[in-house]
């Protein structure tokens, strides 16, 4: 008890992006990028299959 975990909404958004982007974590930005620039920054963190399972389970 007494040990809390706090994250900002931006951190939560970044973590959730991996589930909705087929396993790729996308860094948030305030500056608009082209699609090619954005895809160059994608970082695979989970498999697309796992991403699909998690998206499915969220709606059960």
PDB file of N, CA and C in Angstrom:
ATOM      1  N   UNK A   1       0.832  -1.175   0.000  1.00  0.00           N
ATOM      2  CA  UNK A   1       0.000   0.000   0.000  1.00  0.00           C
ATOM      3  C   UNK A   1       0.877   1.240   0.000  1.00  0.00           C
ATOM      4  N   UNK A   2       0.338   2.300  -0.519  1.00  0.00           N
ATOM      5  CA  UNK A   2       1.079   3.547  -0.542  1.00  0.00           C
ATOM      6  C   UNK A   2       1.965   3.710  -1.759  1.00  0.00           C
ATOM      7  N   UNK A   3       2.027   2.671  -2.589  1.00  0.00           N
ATOM      8  CA  UNK A   3       2.837   2.768  -3.799  1.00  0.00           C
ATOM      9  C   UNK A   3       1.896   2.990  -4.973  1.00  0.00           C
ATOM     10  N   UNK A   4       1.876   4.200  -5.460  1.00  0.00           N
ATOM     11  CA  UNK A   4       0.980   4.525  -6.552  1.00  0.00           C
ATOM     12  C   UNK A   4       1.712   4.547  -7.881  1.00  0.00           C
ATOM     13  N   UNK A   5       0.960   4.430  -8.915  1.00  0.00           N
ATOM     14  CA  UNK A   5       1.498   4.515 -10.257  1.00  0.00           C
ATOM     15  C   UNK A   5       0.683   5.570 -10.979  1.00  0.00           C
ATOM     16  N   UNK A   6       1.348   6.569 -11.467  1.00  0.00           N
ATOM     17  CA  UNK A   6       0.605   7.600 -12.185  1.00  0.00           C
ATOM     18  C   UNK A   6       1.259   7.821 -13.541  1.00  0.00           C
ATOM     19  N   UNK A   7       0.414   7.952 -14.542  1.00  0.00           N
ATOM     20  CA  UNK A   7       0.890   8.244 -15.887  1.00  0.00           C
ATOM     21  C   UNK A   7       0.061   9.388 -16.436  1.00  0.00           C
ATOM     22  N   UNK A   8       0.630  10.073 -17.386  1.00  0.00           N
ATOM     23  CA  UNK A   8      -0.096  11.183 -17.999  1.00  0.00           C
ATOM     24  C   UNK A   8      -1.000  10.640 -19.107  1.00  0.00           C
ATOM     25  N   UNK A   9      -2.001  11.405 -19.505  1.00  0.00           N
ATOM     26  CA  UNK A   9      -2.845  10.980 -20.622  1.00  0.00           C
ATOM     27  C   UNK A   9      -2.039  10.746 -21.900  1.00  0.00           C
ATOM     28  N   UNK A  10      -0.980  11.515 -22.096  1.00  0.00           N
ATOM     29  CA  UNK A  10      -0.143  11.339 -23.279  1.00  0.00           C
ATOM     30  C   UNK A  10       0.578   9.991 -23.254  1.00  0.00           C
ATOM     31  N   UNK A  11       1.048   9.570 -22.083  1.00  0.00           N
ATOM     32  CA  UNK A  11       1.688   8.261 -21.969  1.00  0.00           C
ATOM     33  C   UNK A  11       0.688   7.136 -22.256  1.00  0.00           C
ATOM     34  N   UNK A  12      -0.527   7.276 -21.760  1.00  0.00           N
ATOM     35  CA  UNK A  12      -1.557   6.270 -22.010  1.00  0.00           C
ATOM     36  C   UNK A  12      -1.897   6.214 -23.497  1.00  0.00           C
ATOM     37  N   UNK A  13      -2.010   7.366 -24.128  1.00  0.00           N
ATOM     38  CA  UNK A  13      -2.289   7.428 -25.559  1.00  0.00           C
ATOM     39  C   UNK A  13      -1.196   6.728 -26.354  1.00  0.00           C
ATOM     40  N   UNK A  14       0.044   6.965 -25.978  1.00  0.00           N
ATOM     41  CA  UNK A  14       1.165   6.352 -26.688  1.00  0.00           C
ATOM     42  C   UNK A  14       1.139   4.832 -26.535  1.00  0.00           C
ATOM     43  N   UNK A  15       0.841   4.357 -25.346  1.00  0.00           N
ATOM     44  CA  UNK A  15       0.777   2.912 -25.122  1.00  0.00           C
ATOM     45  C   UNK A  15      -0.376   2.280 -25.899  1.00  0.00           C
ATOM     46  N   UNK A  16      -1.529   2.918 -25.911  1.00  0.00           N
ATOM     47  CA  UNK A  16      -2.690   2.380 -26.615  1.00  0.00           C
ATOM     48  C   UNK A  16      -2.514   2.416 -28.128  1.00  0.00           C
ATOM     49  N   UNK A  17      -1.661   3.299 -28.619  1.00  0.00           N
ATOM     50  CA  UNK A  17      -1.469   3.395 -30.070  1.00  0.00           C
ATOM     51  C   UNK A  17      -0.950   2.085 -30.646  1.00  0.00           C
ATOM     52  N   UNK A  18      -0.202   1.324 -29.879  1.00  0.00           N
ATOM     53  CA  UNK A  18       0.317   0.044 -30.373  1.00  0.00           C
ATOM     54  C   UNK A  18      -0.809  -0.944 -30.648  1.00  0.00           C
ATOM     55  N   UNK A  19      -1.874  -0.886 -29.881  1.00  0.00           N
ATOM     56  CA  UNK A  19      -2.978  -1.816 -30.084  1.00  0.00           C
ATOM     57  C   UNK A  19      -3.792  -1.478 -31.325  1.00  0.00           C
ATOM     58  N   UNK A  20      -3.967  -0.216 -31.614  1.00  0.00           N
ATOM     59  CA  UNK A  20      -4.817   0.172 -32.738  1.00  0.00           C
ATOM     60  C   UNK A  20      -4.048   0.329 -34.041  1.00  0.00           C
ATOM     61  N   UNK A  21      -2.721   0.283 -33.993  1.00  0.00           N
ATOM     62  CA  UNK A  21      -1.900   0.431 -35.198  1.00  0.00           C
ATOM     63  C   UNK A  21      -1.170  -0.859 -35.549  1.00  0.00           C
ATOM     64  N   UNK A  22      -1.826  -1.989 -35.356  1.00  0.00           N
ATOM     65  CA  UNK A  22      -1.279  -3.307 -35.705  1.00  0.00           C
ATOM     66  C   UNK A  22       0.072  -3.601 -35.077  1.00  0.00           C
ATOM     67  N   UNK A  23       0.269  -3.164 -33.843  1.00  0.00           N
ATOM     68  CA  UNK A  23       1.480  -3.494 -33.112  1.00  0.00           C
ATOM     69  C   UNK A  23       2.603  -2.484 -33.222  1.00  0.00           C
ATOM     70  N   UNK A  24       2.380  -1.391 -33.943  1.00  0.00           N
ATOM     71  CA  UNK A  24       3.404  -0.360 -34.089  1.00  0.00           C
ATOM     72  C   UNK A  24       3.109   0.801 -33.157  1.00  0.00           C
ATOM     73  N   UNK A  25       4.114   1.197 -32.379  1.00  0.00           N
ATOM     74  CA  UNK A  25       3.959   2.363 -31.515  1.00  0.00           C
ATOM     75  C   UNK A  25       4.310   3.601 -32.334  1.00  0.00           C
ATOM     76  N   UNK A  26       3.407   4.558 -32.339  1.00  0.00           N
ATOM     77  CA  UNK A  26       3.581   5.774 -33.118  1.00  0.00           C
ATOM     78  C   UNK A  26       3.825   6.933 -32.162  1.00  0.00           C
ATOM     79  N   UNK A  27       4.942   7.635 -32.309  1.00  0.00           N
ATOM     80  CA  UNK A  27       5.190   8.763 -31.411  1.00  0.00           C
ATOM     81  C   UNK A  27       4.232   9.922 -31.706  1.00  0.00           C
ATOM     82  N   UNK A  28       3.624  10.503 -30.677  1.00  0.00           N
ATOM     83  CA  UNK A  28       2.714  11.627 -30.901  1.00  0.00           C
ATOM     84  C   UNK A  28       3.485  12.880 -31.314  1.00  0.00           C
ATOM     85  N   UNK A  29       2.826  13.733 -32.058  1.00  0.00           N
ATOM     86  CA  UNK A  29       3.463  14.963 -32.517  1.00  0.00           C
ATOM     87  C   UNK A  29       2.427  16.073 -32.644  1.00  0.00           C
ATOM     88  N   UNK A  30       2.880  17.286 -32.579  1.00  0.00           N
ATOM     89  CA  UNK A  30       2.009  18.439 -32.806  1.00  0.00           C
ATOM     90  C   UNK A  30       2.169  18.981 -34.216  1.00  0.00           C
ATOM     91  N   UNK A  31       3.215  18.523 -34.899  1.00  0.00           N
ATOM     92  CA  UNK A  31       3.494  18.986 -36.256  1.00  0.00           C
ATOM     93  C   UNK A  31       3.031  17.914 -37.232  1.00  0.00           C
ATOM     94  N   UNK A  32       2.274  18.322 -38.253  1.00  0.00           N
ATOM     95  CA  UNK A  32       1.756  17.370 -39.223  1.00  0.00           C
ATOM     96  C   UNK A  32       2.901  16.790 -40.051  1.00  0.00           C
ATOM     97  N   UNK A  33       2.887  15.473 -40.209  1.00  0.00           N
ATOM     98  CA  UNK A  33       3.884  14.775 -41.017  1.00  0.00           C
ATOM     99  C   UNK A  33       3.215  14.154 -42.223  1.00  0.00           C
ATOM    100  N   UNK A  34       4.018  13.895 -43.246  1.00  0.00           N
ATOM    101  CA  UNK A  34       3.494  13.130 -44.372  1.00  0.00           C
ATOM    102  C   UNK A  34       3.373  11.675 -43.923  1.00  0.00           C
ATOM    103  N   UNK A  35       2.624  10.900 -44.659  1.00  0.00           N
ATOM    104  CA  UNK A  35       2.441   9.496 -44.284  1.00  0.00           C
ATOM    105  C   UNK A  35       3.771   8.746 -44.330  1.00  0.00           C
ATOM    106  N   UNK A  36       4.612   9.061 -45.300  1.00  0.00           N
ATOM    107  CA  UNK A  36       5.918   8.397 -45.409  1.00  0.00           C
ATOM    108  C   UNK A  36       6.808   8.733 -44.213  1.00  0.00           C
ATOM    109  N   UNK A  37       6.803   9.989 -43.787  1.00  0.00           N
ATOM    110  CA  UNK A  37       7.602  10.384 -42.616  1.00  0.00           C
ATOM    111  C   UNK A  37       7.101   9.684 -41.357  1.00  0.00           C
ATOM    112  N   UNK A  38       5.793   9.606 -41.219  1.00  0.00           N
ATOM    113  CA  UNK A  38       5.210   8.965 -40.038  1.00  0.00           C
ATOM    114  C   UNK A  38       5.552   7.477 -40.004  1.00  0.00           C
ATOM    115  N   UNK A  39       5.442   6.799 -41.146  1.00  0.00           N
ATOM    116  CA  UNK A  39       5.727   5.362 -41.175  1.00  0.00           C
ATOM    117  C   UNK A  39       7.186   5.066 -40.881  1.00  0.00           C
ATOM    118  N   UNK A  40       8.077   6.007 -41.187  1.00  0.00           N
ATOM    119  CA  UNK A  40       9.500   5.813 -40.889  1.00  0.00           C
ATOM    120  C   UNK A  40       9.752   5.803 -39.382  1.00  0.00           C
ATOM    121  N   UNK A  41       8.854   6.409 -38.604  1.00  0.00           N
ATOM    122  CA  UNK A  41       9.017   6.485 -37.151  1.00  0.00           C
ATOM    123  C   UNK A  41       8.292   5.376 -36.396  1.00  0.00           C
ATOM    124  N   UNK A  42       7.522   4.543 -37.105  1.00  0.00           N
ATOM    125  CA  UNK A  42       6.795   3.456 -36.449  1.00  0.00           C
ATOM    126  C   UNK A  42       7.784   2.495 -35.810  1.00  0.00           C
ATOM    127  N   UNK A  43       7.478   2.072 -34.597  1.00  0.00           N
ATOM    128  CA  UNK A  43       8.333   1.137 -33.865  1.00  0.00           C
ATOM    129  C   UNK A  43       7.507  -0.099 -33.518  1.00  0.00           C
ATOM    130  N   UNK A  44       7.857  -1.285 -34.067  1.00  0.00           N
ATOM    131  CA  UNK A  44       7.081  -2.484 -33.737  1.00  0.00           C
ATOM    132  C   UNK A  44       7.327  -2.907 -32.290  1.00  0.00           C
ATOM    133  N   UNK A  45       6.253  -3.046 -31.522  1.00  0.00           N
ATOM    134  CA  UNK A  45       6.383  -3.442 -30.115  1.00  0.00           C
ATOM    135  C   UNK A  45       5.630  -4.729 -29.788  1.00  0.00           C
ATOM    136  N   UNK A  46       4.592  -5.049 -30.545  1.00  0.00           N
ATOM    137  CA  UNK A  46       3.883  -6.320 -30.395  1.00  0.00           C
ATOM    138  C   UNK A  46       3.525  -6.818 -31.788  1.00  0.00           C
ATOM    139  N   UNK A  47       3.208  -8.088 -31.902  1.00  0.00           N
ATOM    140  CA  UNK A  47       2.871  -8.642 -33.216  1.00  0.00           C
ATOM    141  C   UNK A  47       1.477  -8.168 -33.642  1.00  0.00           C
ATOM    142  N   UNK A  48       1.242  -8.108 -34.960  1.00  0.00           N
ATOM    143  CA  UNK A  48      -0.098  -7.736 -35.432  1.00  0.00           C
ATOM    144  C   UNK A  48      -1.182  -8.682 -34.920  1.00  0.00           C
ATOM    145  N   UNK A  49      -0.845  -9.959 -34.746  1.00  0.00           N
ATOM    146  CA  UNK A  49      -1.816 -10.929 -34.225  1.00  0.00           C
ATOM    147  C   UNK A  49      -2.218 -10.586 -32.800  1.00  0.00           C
ATOM    148  N   UNK A  50      -1.244 -10.274 -31.965  1.00  0.00           N
ATOM    149  CA  UNK A  50      -1.531  -9.891 -30.578  1.00  0.00           C
ATOM    150  C   UNK A  50      -2.364  -8.620 -30.542  1.00  0.00           C
ATOM    151  N   UNK A  51      -2.036  -7.675 -31.398  1.00  0.00           N
ATOM    152  CA  UNK A  51      -2.805  -6.436 -31.481  1.00  0.00           C
ATOM    153  C   UNK A  51      -4.266  -6.726 -31.821  1.00  0.00           C
ATOM    154  N   UNK A  52      -4.475  -7.629 -32.765  1.00  0.00           N
ATOM    155  CA  UNK A  52      -5.838  -8.004 -33.136  1.00  0.00           C
ATOM    156  C   UNK A  52      -6.594  -8.658 -31.995  1.00  0.00           C
ATOM    157  N   UNK A  53      -5.925  -9.538 -31.243  1.00  0.00           N
ATOM    158  CA  UNK A  53      -6.558 -10.182 -30.090  1.00  0.00           C
ATOM    159  C   UNK A  53      -6.975  -9.154 -29.041  1.00  0.00           C
ATOM    160  N   UNK A  54      -6.107  -8.217 -28.761  1.00  0.00           N
ATOM    161  CA  UNK A  54      -6.407  -7.209 -27.740  1.00  0.00           C
ATOM    162  C   UNK A  54      -7.571  -6.327 -28.183  1.00  0.00           C
ATOM    163  N   UNK A  55      -7.577  -5.937 -29.458  1.00  0.00           N
ATOM    164  CA  UNK A  55      -8.709  -5.134 -29.953  1.00  0.00           C
ATOM    165  C   UNK A  55     -10.007  -5.919 -29.854  1.00  0.00           C
ATOM    166  N   UNK A  56      -9.970  -7.210 -30.161  1.00  0.00           N
ATOM    167  CA  UNK A  56     -11.159  -8.045 -30.055  1.00  0.00           C
ATOM    168  C   UNK A  56     -11.631  -8.146 -28.605  1.00  0.00           C
ATOM    169  N   UNK A  57     -10.702  -8.392 -27.683  1.00  0.00           N
ATOM    170  CA  UNK A  57     -11.059  -8.562 -26.275  1.00  0.00           C
ATOM    171  C   UNK A  57     -11.597  -7.283 -25.643  1.00  0.00           C
ATOM    172  N   UNK A  58     -11.203  -6.138 -26.151  1.00  0.00           N
ATOM    173  CA  UNK A  58     -11.699  -4.875 -25.588  1.00  0.00           C
ATOM    174  C   UNK A  58     -13.203  -4.722 -25.778  1.00  0.00           C
ATOM    175  N   UNK A  59     -13.762  -5.392 -26.782  1.00  0.00           N
ATOM    176  CA  UNK A  59     -15.179  -5.207 -27.081  1.00  0.00           C
ATOM    177  C   UNK A  59     -16.047  -6.372 -26.638  1.00  0.00           C
ATOM    178  N   UNK A  60     -15.507  -7.286 -25.848  1.00  0.00           N
ATOM    179  CA  UNK A  60     -16.321  -8.389 -25.319  1.00  0.00           C
ATOM    180  C   UNK A  60     -17.191  -7.929 -24.183  1.00  0.00           C
TER     181      UNK A  60
END
